[in-house]
Amino acid sequence: MLIRIVRLTFAPEHVPAFLRIFQDSEAHIRQMPGCRHLELWQDADDPRVYCTHSHWESAEALNAYRRSALFGQVWPATKALFAAPPLAFSVQPATLSAPVGS
């Protein structure tokens, strides 16, 4: 499992356009092979900042989405609205062999 969080910052006037893009593409992204979860978070302290939070079966599944025609449409349209470069984090849940604190 790969968890992906991408922090996106928009100019205030571009937030509605981003929300339309996300709404229009959300169901299609969720149907991509390997996508297990997708949601959008809004920063409680800065209404210009949103984070996408997704779970993918593997890095290969995420990379397949990033090579897809859908990503080729969604990403350029979203990128055109940025007020700051995005920050992306990909993490894999750690497997512990012993309970924490042992």
PDB file of N, CA and C in Angstrom:
ATOM      1  N   MET A   1       0.857  -1.180   0.000  1.00  0.00           N
ATOM      2  CA  MET A   1       0.000   0.000   0.000  1.00  0.00           C
ATOM      3  C   MET A   1       0.894   1.231   0.000  1.00  0.00           C
ATOM      4  N   LEU A   2       0.536   2.192  -0.818  1.00  0.00           N
ATOM      5  CA  LEU A   2       1.241   3.465  -0.896  1.00  0.00           C
ATOM      6  C   LEU A   2       0.234   4.564  -0.584  1.00  0.00           C
ATOM      7  N   ILE A   3       0.578   5.426   0.349  1.00  0.00           N
ATOM      8  CA  ILE A   3      -0.271   6.564   0.695  1.00  0.00           C
ATOM      9  C   ILE A   3       0.368   7.810   0.093  1.00  0.00           C
ATOM     10  N   ARG A   4      -0.445   8.593  -0.580  1.00  0.00           N
ATOM     11  CA  ARG A   4       0.053   9.787  -1.270  1.00  0.00           C
ATOM     12  C   ARG A   4      -0.726  11.002  -0.767  1.00  0.00           C
ATOM     13  N   ILE A   5       0.005  12.017  -0.313  1.00  0.00           N
ATOM     14  CA  ILE A   5      -0.590  13.289   0.089  1.00  0.00           C
ATOM     15  C   ILE A   5       0.080  14.381  -0.727  1.00  0.00           C
ATOM     16  N   VAL A   6      -0.745  15.197  -1.377  1.00  0.00           N
ATOM     17  CA  VAL A   6      -0.225  16.304  -2.185  1.00  0.00           C
ATOM     18  C   VAL A   6      -0.865  17.590  -1.676  1.00  0.00           C
ATOM     19  N   ARG A   7      -0.020  18.522  -1.250  1.00  0.00           N
ATOM     20  CA  ARG A   7      -0.472  19.827  -0.737  1.00  0.00           C
ATOM     21  C   ARG A   7      -0.476  20.825  -1.896  1.00  0.00           C
ATOM     22  N   LEU A   8      -1.635  21.428  -2.145  1.00  0.00           N
ATOM     23  CA  LEU A   8      -1.832  22.343  -3.265  1.00  0.00           C
ATOM     24  C   LEU A   8      -2.274  23.701  -2.741  1.00  0.00           C
ATOM     25  N   THR A   9      -1.627  24.761  -3.195  1.00  0.00           N
ATOM     26  CA  THR A   9      -1.973  26.116  -2.775  1.00  0.00           C
ATOM     27  C   THR A   9      -2.428  26.905  -3.994  1.00  0.00           C
ATOM     28  N   PHE A  10      -3.590  27.550  -3.855  1.00  0.00           N
ATOM     29  CA  PHE A  10      -4.186  28.295  -4.963  1.00  0.00           C
ATOM     30  C   PHE A  10      -4.394  29.753  -4.587  1.00  0.00           C
ATOM     31  N   ALA A  11      -4.413  30.621  -5.576  1.00  0.00           N
ATOM     32  CA  ALA A  11      -4.871  31.986  -5.346  1.00  0.00           C
ATOM     33  C   ALA A  11      -6.357  31.890  -5.022  1.00  0.00           C
ATOM     34  N   PRO A  12      -6.870  32.757  -4.145  1.00  0.00           N
ATOM     35  CA  PRO A  12      -8.284  32.657  -3.748  1.00  0.00           C
ATOM     36  C   PRO A  12      -9.256  32.599  -4.925  1.00  0.00           C
ATOM     37  N   GLU A  13      -8.990  33.353  -5.973  1.00  0.00           N
ATOM     38  CA  GLU A  13      -9.910  33.373  -7.111  1.00  0.00           C
ATOM     39  C   GLU A  13      -9.866  32.076  -7.925  1.00  0.00           C
ATOM     40  N   HIS A  14      -8.848  31.222  -7.711  1.00  0.00           N
ATOM     41  CA  HIS A  14      -8.730  29.965  -8.451  1.00  0.00           C
ATOM     42  C   HIS A  14      -9.287  28.761  -7.705  1.00  0.00           C
ATOM     43  N   VAL A  15      -9.637  28.938  -6.442  1.00  0.00           N
ATOM     44  CA  VAL A  15     -10.172  27.815  -5.656  1.00  0.00           C
ATOM     45  C   VAL A  15     -11.434  27.222  -6.297  1.00  0.00           C
ATOM     46  N   PRO A  16     -12.423  28.019  -6.708  1.00  0.00           N
ATOM     47  CA  PRO A  16     -13.623  27.413  -7.326  1.00  0.00           C
ATOM     48  C   PRO A  16     -13.298  26.578  -8.569  1.00  0.00           C
ATOM     49  N   ALA A  17     -12.362  27.026  -9.388  1.00  0.00           N
ATOM     50  CA  ALA A  17     -11.991  26.261 -10.585  1.00  0.00           C
ATOM     51  C   ALA A  17     -11.345  24.933 -10.192  1.00  0.00           C
ATOM     52  N   PHE A  18     -10.486  24.955  -9.184  1.00  0.00           N
ATOM     53  CA  PHE A  18      -9.878  23.706  -8.723  1.00  0.00           C
ATOM     54  C   PHE A  18     -10.941  22.746  -8.197  1.00  0.00           C
ATOM     55  N   LEU A  19     -11.872  23.244  -7.410  1.00  0.00           N
ATOM     56  CA  LEU A  19     -12.911  22.382  -6.850  1.00  0.00           C
ATOM     57  C   LEU A  19     -13.762  21.750  -7.953  1.00  0.00           C
ATOM     58  N   ARG A  20     -14.008  22.475  -9.037  1.00  0.00           N
ATOM     59  CA  ARG A  20     -14.736  21.913 -10.179  1.00  0.00           C
ATOM     60  C   ARG A  20     -13.920  20.793 -10.834  1.00  0.00           C
ATOM     61  N   ILE A  21     -12.621  21.035 -11.018  1.00  0.00           N
ATOM     62  CA  ILE A  21     -11.758  20.010 -11.617  1.00  0.00           C
ATOM     63  C   ILE A  21     -11.770  18.749 -10.757  1.00  0.00           C
ATOM     64  N   PHE A  22     -11.622  18.921  -9.450  1.00  0.00           N
ATOM     65  CA  PHE A  22     -11.609  17.759  -8.560  1.00  0.00           C
ATOM     66  C   PHE A  22     -12.950  17.029  -8.618  1.00  0.00           C
ATOM     67  N   GLN A  23     -14.034  17.766  -8.540  1.00  0.00           N
ATOM     68  CA  GLN A  23     -15.365  17.153  -8.562  1.00  0.00           C
ATOM     69  C   GLN A  23     -15.589  16.387  -9.872  1.00  0.00           C
ATOM     70  N   ASP A  24     -15.162  16.954 -10.982  1.00  0.00           N
ATOM     71  CA  ASP A  24     -15.363  16.322 -12.285  1.00  0.00           C
ATOM     72  C   ASP A  24     -14.494  15.073 -12.479  1.00  0.00           C
ATOM     73  N   SER A  25     -13.346  15.008 -11.812  1.00  0.00           N
ATOM     74  CA  SER A  25     -12.413  13.894 -12.031  1.00  0.00           C
ATOM     75  C   SER A  25     -12.395  12.866 -10.908  1.00  0.00           C
ATOM     76  N   GLU A  26     -12.947  13.190  -9.763  1.00  0.00           N
ATOM     77  CA  GLU A  26     -12.846  12.321  -8.582  1.00  0.00           C
ATOM     78  C   GLU A  26     -13.320  10.888  -8.857  1.00  0.00           C
ATOM     79  N   ALA A  27     -14.498  10.712  -9.392  1.00  0.00           N
ATOM     80  CA  ALA A  27     -15.021   9.363  -9.633  1.00  0.00           C
ATOM     81  C   ALA A  27     -14.155   8.599 -10.622  1.00  0.00           C
ATOM     82  N   HIS A  28     -13.618   9.277 -11.618  1.00  0.00           N
ATOM     83  CA  HIS A  28     -12.760   8.624 -12.613  1.00  0.00           C
ATOM     84  C   HIS A  28     -11.435   8.179 -11.987  1.00  0.00           C
ATOM     85  N   ILE A  29     -10.870   9.014 -11.121  1.00  0.00           N
ATOM     86  CA  ILE A  29      -9.623   8.644 -10.460  1.00  0.00           C
ATOM     87  C   ILE A  29      -9.854   7.441  -9.554  1.00  0.00           C
ATOM     88  N   ARG A  30     -10.952   7.451  -8.821  1.00  0.00           N
ATOM     89  CA  ARG A  30     -11.269   6.329  -7.920  1.00  0.00           C
ATOM     90  C   ARG A  30     -11.400   5.011  -8.681  1.00  0.00           C
ATOM     91  N   GLN A  31     -11.754   5.074  -9.959  1.00  0.00           N
ATOM     92  CA  GLN A  31     -11.920   3.862 -10.769  1.00  0.00           C
ATOM     93  C   GLN A  31     -10.619   3.397 -11.420  1.00  0.00           C
ATOM     94  N   MET A  32      -9.559   4.151 -11.269  1.00  0.00           N
ATOM     95  CA  MET A  32      -8.283   3.752 -11.845  1.00  0.00           C
ATOM     96  C   MET A  32      -7.801   2.469 -11.169  1.00  0.00           C
ATOM     97  N   PRO A  33      -7.234   1.534 -11.925  1.00  0.00           N
ATOM     98  CA  PRO A  33      -6.718   0.306 -11.316  1.00  0.00           C
ATOM     99  C   PRO A  33      -5.710   0.631 -10.211  1.00  0.00           C
ATOM    100  N   GLY A  34      -5.916   0.047  -9.052  1.00  0.00           N
ATOM    101  CA  GLY A  34      -4.995   0.233  -7.941  1.00  0.00           C
ATOM    102  C   GLY A  34      -5.344   1.355  -6.996  1.00  0.00           C
ATOM    103  N   CYS A  35      -6.304   2.223  -7.350  1.00  0.00           N
ATOM    104  CA  CYS A  35      -6.710   3.298  -6.445  1.00  0.00           C
ATOM    105  C   CYS A  35      -7.668   2.714  -5.415  1.00  0.00           C
ATOM    106  N   ARG A  36      -7.303   2.820  -4.147  1.00  0.00           N
ATOM    107  CA  ARG A  36      -8.117   2.270  -3.068  1.00  0.00           C
ATOM    108  C   ARG A  36      -8.856   3.342  -2.271  1.00  0.00           C
ATOM    109  N   HIS A  37      -8.407   4.583  -2.364  1.00  0.00           N
ATOM    110  CA  HIS A  37      -9.021   5.648  -1.559  1.00  0.00           C
ATOM    111  C   HIS A  37      -8.608   6.996  -2.149  1.00  0.00           C
ATOM    112  N   LEU A  38      -9.522   7.947  -2.132  1.00  0.00           N
ATOM    113  CA  LEU A  38      -9.210   9.307  -2.570  1.00  0.00           C
ATOM    114  C   LEU A  38     -10.123  10.264  -1.830  1.00  0.00           C
ATOM    115  N   GLU A  39      -9.531  11.281  -1.247  1.00  0.00           N
ATOM    116  CA  GLU A  39     -10.328  12.341  -0.629  1.00  0.00           C
ATOM    117  C   GLU A  39      -9.573  13.657  -0.722  1.00  0.00           C
ATOM    118  N   LEU A  40     -10.313  14.727  -0.482  1.00  0.00           N
ATOM    119  CA  LEU A  40      -9.764  16.075  -0.532  1.00  0.00           C
ATOM    120  C   LEU A  40      -9.930  16.707   0.832  1.00  0.00           C
ATOM    121  N   TRP A  41      -8.868  17.293   1.344  1.00  0.00           N
ATOM    122  CA  TRP A  41      -8.894  18.001   2.620  1.00  0.00           C
ATOM    123  C   TRP A  41      -8.647  19.478   2.371  1.00  0.00           C
ATOM    124  N   GLN A  42      -9.303  20.335   3.142  1.00  0.00           N
ATOM    125  CA  GLN A  42      -9.030  21.770   3.104  1.00  0.00           C
ATOM    126  C   GLN A  42      -8.310  22.135   4.394  1.00  0.00           C
ATOM    127  N   ASP A  43      -7.269  22.927   4.293  1.00  0.00           N
ATOM    128  CA  ASP A  43      -6.513  23.376   5.456  1.00  0.00           C
ATOM    129  C   ASP A  43      -7.419  24.237   6.335  1.00  0.00           C
ATOM    130  N   ALA A  44      -7.483  23.920   7.608  1.00  0.00           N
ATOM    131  CA  ALA A  44      -8.354  24.654   8.536  1.00  0.00           C
ATOM    132  C   ALA A  44      -7.868  26.075   8.778  1.00  0.00           C
ATOM    133  N   ASP A  45      -6.576  26.327   8.580  1.00  0.00           N
ATOM    134  CA  ASP A  45      -6.009  27.644   8.840  1.00  0.00           C
ATOM    135  C   ASP A  45      -5.838  28.502   7.589  1.00  0.00           C
ATOM    136  N   ASP A  46      -5.866  27.881   6.423  1.00  0.00           N
ATOM    137  CA  ASP A  46      -5.636  28.621   5.180  1.00  0.00           C
ATOM    138  C   ASP A  46      -6.578  28.085   4.099  1.00  0.00           C
ATOM    139  N   PRO A  47      -7.659  28.783   3.803  1.00  0.00           N
ATOM    140  CA  PRO A  47      -8.643  28.275   2.845  1.00  0.00           C
ATOM    141  C   PRO A  47      -8.152  28.181   1.404  1.00  0.00           C
ATOM    142  N   ARG A  48      -6.943  28.650   1.137  1.00  0.00           N
ATOM    143  CA  ARG A  48      -6.364  28.516  -0.205  1.00  0.00           C
ATOM    144  C   ARG A  48      -5.641  27.186  -0.382  1.00  0.00           C
ATOM    145  N   VAL A  49      -5.450  26.450   0.722  1.00  0.00           N
ATOM    146  CA  VAL A  49      -4.638  25.240   0.705  1.00  0.00           C
ATOM    147  C   VAL A  49      -5.527  24.003   0.806  1.00  0.00           C
ATOM    148  N   TYR A  50      -5.293  23.067  -0.104  1.00  0.00           N
ATOM    149  CA  TYR A  50      -5.999  21.784  -0.131  1.00  0.00           C
ATOM    150  C   TYR A  50      -4.963  20.672  -0.203  1.00  0.00           C
ATOM    151  N   CYS A  51      -5.342  19.510   0.285  1.00  0.00           N
ATOM    152  CA  CYS A  51      -4.496  18.325   0.172  1.00  0.00           C
ATOM    153  C   CYS A  51      -5.328  17.194  -0.412  1.00  0.00           C
ATOM    154  N   THR A  52      -4.758  16.526  -1.397  1.00  0.00           N
ATOM    155  CA  THR A  52      -5.363  15.282  -1.847  1.00  0.00           C
ATOM    156  C   THR A  52      -4.719  14.161  -1.050  1.00  0.00           C
ATOM    157  N   HIS A  53      -5.528  13.209  -0.638  1.00  0.00           N
ATOM    158  CA  HIS A  53      -5.079  12.071   0.160  1.00  0.00           C
ATOM    159  C   HIS A  53      -5.565  10.828  -0.564  1.00  0.00           C
ATOM    160  N   SER A  54      -4.633  10.015  -1.036  1.00  0.00           N
ATOM    161  CA  SER A  54      -5.018   8.822  -1.780  1.00  0.00           C
ATOM    162  C   SER A  54      -4.223   7.611  -1.311  1.00  0.00           C
ATOM    163  N   HIS A  55      -4.826   6.433  -1.487  1.00  0.00           N
ATOM    164  CA  HIS A  55      -4.165   5.164  -1.201  1.00  0.00           C
ATOM    165  C   HIS A  55      -4.105   4.384  -2.505  1.00  0.00           C
ATOM    166  N   TRP A  56      -2.949   3.830  -2.791  1.00  0.00           N
ATOM    167  CA  TRP A  56      -2.731   3.063  -4.010  1.00  0.00           C
ATOM    168  C   TRP A  56      -2.198   1.687  -3.635  1.00  0.00           C
ATOM    169  N   GLU A  57      -2.535   0.682  -4.418  1.00  0.00           N
ATOM    170  CA  GLU A  57      -2.038  -0.673  -4.162  1.00  0.00           C
ATOM    171  C   GLU A  57      -0.525  -0.712  -4.145  1.00  0.00           C
ATOM    172  N   SER A  58       0.102   0.088  -5.009  1.00  0.00           N
ATOM    173  CA  SER A  58       1.560   0.048  -5.151  1.00  0.00           C
ATOM    174  C   SER A  58       2.030   1.323  -5.854  1.00  0.00           C
ATOM    175  N   ALA A  59       3.335   1.509  -5.836  1.00  0.00           N
ATOM    176  CA  ALA A  59       3.918   2.627  -6.579  1.00  0.00           C
ATOM    177  C   ALA A  59       3.654   2.462  -8.076  1.00  0.00           C
ATOM    178  N   GLU A  60       3.623   1.216  -8.546  1.00  0.00           N
ATOM    179  CA  GLU A  60       3.357   0.958  -9.963  1.00  0.00           C
ATOM    180  C   GLU A  60       1.946   1.421 -10.345  1.00  0.00           C
ATOM    181  N   ALA A  61       0.968   1.196  -9.448  1.00  0.00           N
ATOM    182  CA  ALA A  61      -0.405   1.637  -9.728  1.00  0.00           C
ATOM    183  C   ALA A  61      -0.481   3.159  -9.787  1.00  0.00           C
ATOM    184  N   LEU A  62       0.191   3.838  -8.855  1.00  0.00           N
ATOM    185  CA  LEU A  62       0.223   5.306  -8.882  1.00  0.00           C
ATOM    186  C   LEU A  62       0.898   5.799 -10.153  1.00  0.00           C
ATOM    187  N   ASN A  63       2.006   5.186 -10.528  1.00  0.00           N
ATOM    188  CA  ASN A  63       2.711   5.613 -11.736  1.00  0.00           C
ATOM    189  C   ASN A  63       1.884   5.364 -12.989  1.00  0.00           C
ATOM    190  N   ALA A  64       1.098   4.273 -13.002  1.00  0.00           N
ATOM    191  CA  ALA A  64       0.216   4.017 -14.147  1.00  0.00           C
ATOM    192  C   ALA A  64      -0.830   5.124 -14.255  1.00  0.00           C
ATOM    193  N   TYR A  65      -1.388   5.555 -13.123  1.00  0.00           N
ATOM    194  CA  TYR A  65      -2.326   6.683 -13.150  1.00  0.00           C
ATOM    195  C   TYR A  65      -1.634   7.934 -13.672  1.00  0.00           C
ATOM    196  N   ARG A  66      -0.415   8.177 -13.212  1.00  0.00           N
ATOM    197  CA  ARG A  66       0.303   9.389 -13.625  1.00  0.00           C
ATOM    198  C   ARG A  66       0.674   9.374 -15.107  1.00  0.00           C
ATOM    199  N   ARG A  67       0.658   8.205 -15.732  1.00  0.00           N
ATOM    200  CA  ARG A  67       0.905   8.088 -17.179  1.00  0.00           C
ATOM    201  C   ARG A  67      -0.399   8.077 -17.980  1.00  0.00           C
ATOM    202  N   SER A  68      -1.533   8.088 -17.295  1.00  0.00           N
ATOM    203  CA  SER A  68      -2.831   7.955 -17.972  1.00  0.00           C
ATOM    204  C   SER A  68      -3.268   9.249 -18.662  1.00  0.00           C
ATOM    205  N   ALA A  69      -4.204   9.090 -19.593  1.00  0.00           N
ATOM    206  CA  ALA A  69      -4.787  10.250 -20.277  1.00  0.00           C
ATOM    207  C   ALA A  69      -5.540  11.136 -19.284  1.00  0.00           C
ATOM    208  N   LEU A  70      -6.177  10.517 -18.287  1.00  0.00           N
ATOM    209  CA  LEU A  70      -6.908  11.289 -17.285  1.00  0.00           C
ATOM    210  C   LEU A  70      -5.966  12.230 -16.537  1.00  0.00           C
ATOM    211  N   PHE A  71      -4.844  11.710 -16.065  1.00  0.00           N
ATOM    212  CA  PHE A  71      -3.861  12.558 -15.380  1.00  0.00           C
ATOM    213  C   PHE A  71      -3.355  13.632 -16.342  1.00  0.00           C
ATOM    214  N   GLY A  72      -3.187  13.275 -17.612  1.00  0.00           N
ATOM    215  CA  GLY A  72      -2.734  14.228 -18.622  1.00  0.00           C
ATOM    216  C   GLY A  72      -3.685  15.389 -18.822  1.00  0.00           C
ATOM    217  N   GLN A  73      -4.945  15.216 -18.440  1.00  0.00           N
ATOM    218  CA  GLN A  73      -5.926  16.301 -18.510  1.00  0.00           C
ATOM    219  C   GLN A  73      -6.021  17.050 -17.183  1.00  0.00           C
ATOM    220  N   VAL A  74      -6.085  16.279 -16.082  1.00  0.00           N
ATOM    221  CA  VAL A  74      -6.316  16.866 -14.763  1.00  0.00           C
ATOM    222  C   VAL A  74      -5.118  17.675 -14.280  1.00  0.00           C
ATOM    223  N   TRP A  75      -3.921  17.122 -14.398  1.00  0.00           N
ATOM    224  CA  TRP A  75      -2.754  17.789 -13.828  1.00  0.00           C
ATOM    225  C   TRP A  75      -2.456  19.134 -14.481  1.00  0.00           C
ATOM    226  N   PRO A  76      -2.392  19.263 -15.797  1.00  0.00           N
ATOM    227  CA  PRO A  76      -2.124  20.583 -16.383  1.00  0.00           C
ATOM    228  C   PRO A  76      -3.174  21.632 -16.011  1.00  0.00           C
ATOM    229  N   ALA A  77      -4.447  21.220 -15.972  1.00  0.00           N
ATOM    230  CA  ALA A  77      -5.507  22.166 -15.612  1.00  0.00           C
ATOM    231  C   ALA A  77      -5.357  22.625 -14.165  1.00  0.00           C
ATOM    232  N   THR A  78      -4.991  21.696 -13.276  1.00  0.00           N
ATOM    233  CA  THR A  78      -4.790  22.039 -11.866  1.00  0.00           C
ATOM    234  C   THR A  78      -3.537  22.887 -11.694  1.00  0.00           C
ATOM    235  N   LYS A  79      -2.465  22.467 -12.331  1.00  0.00           N
ATOM    236  CA  LYS A  79      -1.173  23.160 -12.225  1.00  0.00           C
ATOM    237  C   LYS A  79      -1.278  24.626 -12.654  1.00  0.00           C
ATOM    238  N   ALA A  80      -2.121  24.914 -13.623  1.00  0.00           N
ATOM    239  CA  ALA A  80      -2.297  26.285 -14.115  1.00  0.00           C
ATOM    240  C   ALA A  80      -2.881  27.203 -13.045  1.00  0.00           C
ATOM    241  N   LEU A  81      -3.466  26.627 -11.987  1.00  0.00           N
ATOM    242  CA  LEU A  81      -4.129  27.418 -10.945  1.00  0.00           C
ATOM    243  C   LEU A  81      -3.271  27.641  -9.703  1.00  0.00           C
ATOM    244  N   PHE A  82      -2.097  27.034  -9.646  1.00  0.00           N
ATOM    245  CA  PHE A  82      -1.262  27.098  -8.439  1.00  0.00           C
ATOM    246  C   PHE A  82      -0.780  28.500  -8.117  1.00  0.00           C
ATOM    247  N   ALA A  83      -0.753  28.809  -6.818  1.00  0.00           N
ATOM    248  CA  ALA A  83      -0.136  30.041  -6.325  1.00  0.00           C
ATOM    249  C   ALA A  83       1.251  29.745  -5.757  1.00  0.00           C
ATOM    250  N   ALA A  84       1.545  28.463  -5.524  1.00  0.00           N
ATOM    251  CA  ALA A  84       2.839  28.020  -4.999  1.00  0.00           C
ATOM    252  C   ALA A  84       3.075  26.600  -5.500  1.00  0.00           C
ATOM    253  N   PRO A  85       4.337  26.186  -5.578  1.00  0.00           N
ATOM    254  CA  PRO A  85       4.601  24.807  -6.011  1.00  0.00           C
ATOM    255  C   PRO A  85       3.957  23.797  -5.046  1.00  0.00           C
ATOM    256  N   PRO A  86       3.482  22.684  -5.575  1.00  0.00           N
ATOM    257  CA  PRO A  86       2.879  21.675  -4.705  1.00  0.00           C
ATOM    258  C   PRO A  86       3.950  20.935  -3.899  1.00  0.00           C
ATOM    259  N   LEU A  87       3.525  20.365  -2.793  1.00  0.00           N
ATOM    260  CA  LEU A  87       4.386  19.497  -1.988  1.00  0.00           C
ATOM    261  C   LEU A  87       3.755  18.120  -2.002  1.00  0.00           C
ATOM    262  N   ALA A  88       4.518  17.106  -2.354  1.00  0.00           N
ATOM    263  CA  ALA A  88       3.975  15.752  -2.439  1.00  0.00           C
ATOM    264  C   ALA A  88       4.754  14.825  -1.525  1.00  0.00           C
ATOM    265  N   PHE A  89       4.011  13.940  -0.871  1.00  0.00           N
ATOM    266  CA  PHE A  89       4.598  12.958   0.024  1.00  0.00           C
ATOM    267  C   PHE A  89       4.016  11.596  -0.322  1.00  0.00           C
ATOM    268  N   SER A  90       4.878  10.606  -0.486  1.00  0.00           N
ATOM    269  CA  SER A  90       4.443   9.227  -0.683  1.00  0.00           C
ATOM    270  C   SER A  90       5.048   8.418   0.445  1.00  0.00           C
ATOM    271  N   VAL A  91       4.198   7.675   1.151  1.00  0.00           N
ATOM    272  CA  VAL A  91       4.687   6.878   2.279  1.00  0.00           C
ATOM    273  C   VAL A  91       4.072   5.490   2.209  1.00  0.00           C
ATOM    274  N   GLN A  92       4.782   4.528   2.774  1.00  0.00           N
ATOM    275  CA  GLN A  92       4.267   3.180   2.911  1.00  0.00           C
ATOM    276  C   GLN A  92       4.122   2.912   4.395  1.00  0.00           C
ATOM    277  N   PRO A  93       2.991   2.357   4.824  1.00  0.00           N
ATOM    278  CA  PRO A  93       2.825   2.031   6.240  1.00  0.00           C
ATOM    279  C   PRO A  93       3.931   1.083   6.693  1.00  0.00           C
ATOM    280  N   ALA A  94       4.487   1.357   7.852  1.00  0.00           N
ATOM    281  CA  ALA A  94       5.547   0.514   8.397  1.00  0.00           C
ATOM    282  C   ALA A  94       4.938  -0.716   9.059  1.00  0.00           C
ATOM    283  N   THR A  95       5.636  -1.813   8.961  1.00  0.00           N
ATOM    284  CA  THR A  95       5.222  -3.044   9.638  1.00  0.00           C
ATOM    285  C   THR A  95       6.175  -3.245  10.811  1.00  0.00           C
ATOM    286  N   LEU A  96       5.616  -3.279  11.992  1.00  0.00           N
ATOM    287  CA  LEU A  96       6.430  -3.468  13.193  1.00  0.00           C
ATOM    288  C   LEU A  96       6.400  -4.937  13.583  1.00  0.00           C
ATOM    289  N   SER A  97       7.559  -5.455  13.973  1.00  0.00           N
ATOM    290  CA  SER A  97       7.617  -6.857  14.369  1.00  0.00           C
ATOM    291  C   SER A  97       7.320  -7.014  15.868  1.00  0.00           C
ATOM    292  N   ALA A  98       7.404  -5.930  16.617  1.00  0.00           N
ATOM    293  CA  ALA A  98       7.110  -5.983  18.053  1.00  0.00           C
ATOM    294  C   ALA A  98       6.241  -4.799  18.405  1.00  0.00           C
ATOM    295  N   PRO A  99       5.423  -4.923  19.438  1.00  0.00           N
ATOM    296  CA  PRO A  99       4.593  -3.777  19.852  1.00  0.00           C
ATOM    297  C   PRO A  99       5.435  -2.562  20.197  1.00  0.00           C
ATOM    298  N   VAL A 100       4.927  -1.376  19.913  1.00  0.00           N
ATOM    299  CA  VAL A 100       5.624  -0.139  20.243  1.00  0.00           C
ATOM    300  C   VAL A 100       5.801  -0.068  21.756  1.00  0.00           C
ATOM    301  N   GLY A 101       6.979   0.308  22.199  1.00  0.00           N
ATOM    302  CA  GLY A 101       7.262   0.424  23.629  1.00  0.00           C
ATOM    303  C   GLY A 101       7.886  -0.835  24.201  1.00  0.00           C
ATOM    304  N   SER A 102       8.068  -1.876  23.408  1.00  0.00           N
ATOM    305  CA  SER A 102       8.670  -3.110  23.934  1.00  0.00           C
ATOM    306  C   SER A 102      10.169  -2.982  24.015  1.00  0.00           C
TER     307      SER A 102
END
